[in-house]
Structure formats: structure tokens, C-alpha cells
C-alpha atoms as a PDB file:
ATOM      1  CA  MET A   1       9.940 -25.635   4.895  1.00  0.00           C
ATOM      2  CA  THR A   2       8.316 -22.996   2.755  1.00  0.00           C
ATOM      3  CA  GLU A   3       5.085 -21.772   4.625  1.00  0.00           C
ATOM      4  CA  VAL A   4       2.039 -20.725   3.051  1.00  0.00           C
ATOM      5  CA  VAL A   5       0.533 -17.853   4.437  1.00  0.00           C
ATOM      6  CA  GLU A   6      -2.332 -17.251   2.167  1.00  0.00           C
ATOM      7  CA  ALA A   7      -3.810 -18.209  -0.738  1.00  0.00           C
ATOM      8  CA  TRP A   8      -6.272 -17.806  -3.406  1.00  0.00           C
ATOM      9  CA  ALA A   9      -7.891 -18.635  -6.833  1.00  0.00           C
ATOM     10  CA  GLU A  10      -8.731 -16.005  -9.722  1.00  0.00           C
ATOM     11  CA  PRO A  11     -10.826 -16.351 -12.671  1.00  0.00           C
ATOM     12  CA  ASP A  12      -9.023 -18.060 -15.762  1.00  0.00           C
ATOM     13  CA  ASP A  13      -7.227 -21.021 -13.618  1.00  0.00           C
ATOM     14  CA  VAL A  14      -5.028 -18.514 -12.119  1.00  0.00           C
ATOM     15  CA  PHE A  15      -4.147 -18.914  -8.374  1.00  0.00           C
ATOM     16  CA  CYS A  16      -2.203 -16.718  -6.029  1.00  0.00           C
ATOM     17  CA  LEU A  17       0.017 -17.828  -2.870  1.00  0.00           C
ATOM     18  CA  VAL A  18       1.602 -15.395  -0.377  1.00  0.00           C
ATOM     19  CA  TYR A  19       4.658 -17.334   1.074  1.00  0.00           C
ATOM     20  CA  ARG A  20       7.863 -17.501   3.208  1.00  0.00           C
ATOM     21  CA  GLN A  21      10.716 -19.660   2.372  1.00  0.00           C
ATOM     22  CA  PRO A  22      13.649 -20.339   4.769  1.00  0.00           C
ATOM     23  CA  LEU A  23      16.334 -18.778   2.964  1.00  0.00           C
ATOM     24  CA  TYR A  24      14.496 -15.333   2.866  1.00  0.00           C
ATOM     25  CA  GLY A  25      13.519 -14.770   6.846  1.00  0.00           C
ATOM     26  CA  ASP A  26      10.349 -13.189   6.793  1.00  0.00           C
ATOM     27  CA  VAL A  27      10.021 -11.607   3.628  1.00  0.00           C
ATOM     28  CA  LEU A  28       7.007 -12.651   2.169  1.00  0.00           C
ATOM     29  CA  LEU A  29       6.919 -13.704  -1.073  1.00  0.00           C
ATOM     30  CA  GLY A  30       3.845 -13.838  -3.868  1.00  0.00           C
ATOM     31  CA  LEU A  31       3.688 -16.097  -6.524  1.00  0.00           C
ATOM     32  CA  ARG A  32       0.807 -15.575  -8.991  1.00  0.00           C
ATOM     33  CA  ARG A  33       0.343 -18.328 -11.550  1.00  0.00           C
ATOM     34  CA  ALA A  34      -1.670 -19.589 -14.376  1.00  0.00           C
ATOM     35  CA  VAL A  35      -2.341 -23.383 -14.540  1.00  0.00           C
ATOM     36  CA  GLU A  36      -1.583 -24.431 -17.935  1.00  0.00           C
ATOM     37  CA  PRO A  37      -4.688 -26.023 -19.780  1.00  0.00           C
ATOM     38  CA  ASP A  38      -3.138 -29.244 -20.297  1.00  0.00           C
ATOM     39  CA  TRP A  39      -1.674 -29.894 -16.722  1.00  0.00           C
ATOM     40  CA  THR A  40      -2.959 -32.634 -14.634  1.00  0.00           C
ATOM     41  CA  ILE A  41      -2.871 -32.392 -10.791  1.00  0.00           C
ATOM     42  CA  ASP A  42       0.331 -34.458 -10.780  1.00  0.00           C
ATOM     43  CA  GLY A  43       1.832 -31.702 -13.123  1.00  0.00           C
ATOM     44  CA  VAL A  44       0.734 -28.900 -11.376  1.00  0.00           C
ATOM     45  CA  VAL A  45       2.273 -30.232  -7.983  1.00  0.00           C
ATOM     46  CA  ASP A  46       5.336 -30.862  -9.725  1.00  0.00           C
ATOM     47  CA  GLU A  47       5.802 -27.676 -11.561  1.00  0.00           C
ATOM     48  CA  ILE A  48       4.600 -25.547  -8.976  1.00  0.00           C
ATOM     49  CA  LEU A  49       4.798 -26.673  -5.711  1.00  0.00           C
ATOM     50  CA  SER A  50       8.101 -28.896  -5.825  1.00  0.00           C
ATOM     51  CA  PHE A  51      10.001 -26.568  -8.306  1.00  0.00           C
ATOM     52  CA  GLU A  52       8.520 -23.142  -8.268  1.00  0.00           C
ATOM     53  CA  LEU A  53       8.099 -23.083  -4.744  1.00  0.00           C
ATOM     54  CA  GLY A  54      10.543 -25.204  -3.434  1.00  0.00           C
ATOM     55  CA  GLU A  55      13.591 -23.593  -5.050  1.00  0.00           C
ATOM     56  CA  PRO A  56      14.967 -20.659  -4.256  1.00  0.00           C
ATOM     57  CA  LEU A  57      14.586 -17.570  -6.658  1.00  0.00           C
ATOM     58  CA  GLY A  58      18.315 -16.931  -6.799  1.00  0.00           C
ATOM     59  CA  SER A  59      18.923 -13.778  -8.828  1.00  0.00           C
ATOM     60  CA  LEU A  60      15.111 -13.179  -9.656  1.00  0.00           C
ATOM     61  CA  PHE A  61      14.423 -12.199  -5.962  1.00  0.00           C
ATOM     62  CA  ASP A  62      17.048  -8.871  -6.646  1.00  0.00           C
ATOM     63  CA  THR A  63      14.412  -7.815  -8.984  1.00  0.00           C
ATOM     64  CA  LEU A  64      11.192  -8.135  -7.103  1.00  0.00           C
ATOM     65  CA  ILE A  65       9.399  -5.072  -5.801  1.00  0.00           C
ATOM     66  CA  ARG A  66       7.496  -4.920  -2.941  1.00  0.00           C
ATOM     67  CA  ASN A  67       3.853  -4.039  -2.666  1.00  0.00           C
ATOM     68  CA  ASP A  68       2.175  -1.923  -0.059  1.00  0.00           C
ATOM     69  CA  ALA A  69       1.342  -5.201   1.896  1.00  0.00           C
ATOM     70  CA  GLY A  70       5.021  -6.294   1.555  1.00  0.00           C
ATOM     71  CA  VAL A  71       4.814  -8.944  -0.916  1.00  0.00           C
ATOM     72  CA  HIS A  72       7.560  -9.728  -3.030  1.00  0.00           C
ATOM     73  CA  TRP A  73       5.752 -10.677  -6.288  1.00  0.00           C
ATOM     74  CA  TRP A  74       7.166 -12.902  -8.881  1.00  0.00           C
ATOM     75  CA  ASN A  75       5.979 -14.360 -12.267  1.00  0.00           C
ATOM     76  CA  GLY A  76       3.196 -11.774 -12.090  1.00  0.00           C
ATOM     77  CA  HIS A  77       4.687  -8.731 -12.942  1.00  0.00           C
ATOM     78  CA  PRO A  78       1.642  -6.281 -14.269  1.00  0.00           C
ATOM     79  CA  ASP A  79       0.910  -3.803 -11.242  1.00  0.00           C
ATOM     80  CA  GLU A  80      -2.926  -5.398 -11.191  1.00  0.00           C
ATOM     81  CA  TRP A  81      -1.512  -9.099 -10.377  1.00  0.00           C
ATOM     82  CA  LYS A  82       0.117  -7.619  -7.019  1.00  0.00           C
ATOM     83  CA  VAL A  83      -3.081  -6.587  -5.578  1.00  0.00           C
ATOM     84  CA  ARG A  84      -5.524  -9.253  -4.251  1.00  0.00           C
ATOM     85  CA  ARG A  85      -8.900  -9.015  -5.442  1.00  0.00           C
END
């Protein structure tokens, strides 16, 4: 089961989740994601919680770079996205 370690919201309908997924052991993963303006709450749950957090990252995991806090961020490649504000 995926474990959310920390979560916060940012301006412009952006949220960040730091989480662990059993497949990756104790590795901290980070998802920074903008919510699409036309999504309903059901759409957010389906797309992000069910698919993005619920599915393994596959080969994408090999491209992630760990930040100073030990979080491997994805879906937010600019460096400023990888630091909690």
C-alpha cells in the first residue's frame, strides 16, 4: 500500500505529495502535480490517486534525481519544483 509521508498545496492548483511505494522500499518519491481546471474531484482521484500514485513508475524511476532531502521527484522536473516552499 502506498504511504503518503507529507502533502501540501501551492498556488495555481498545484499540490505536492511525498510518498513511499512498496515496490521501491524506503525510497521517498515526490509528485508535484497541477490539477487540470476542468477536473471534478472524481477525476482527481481517478487520475492521480488511482493511476499516478497507485501504479509503479517503471523505467521513469531510473531517470529520477534525488534532491537534498532524499526525495526523488517526478512530474515536476524544474529544480524550483523540487524544493518545498
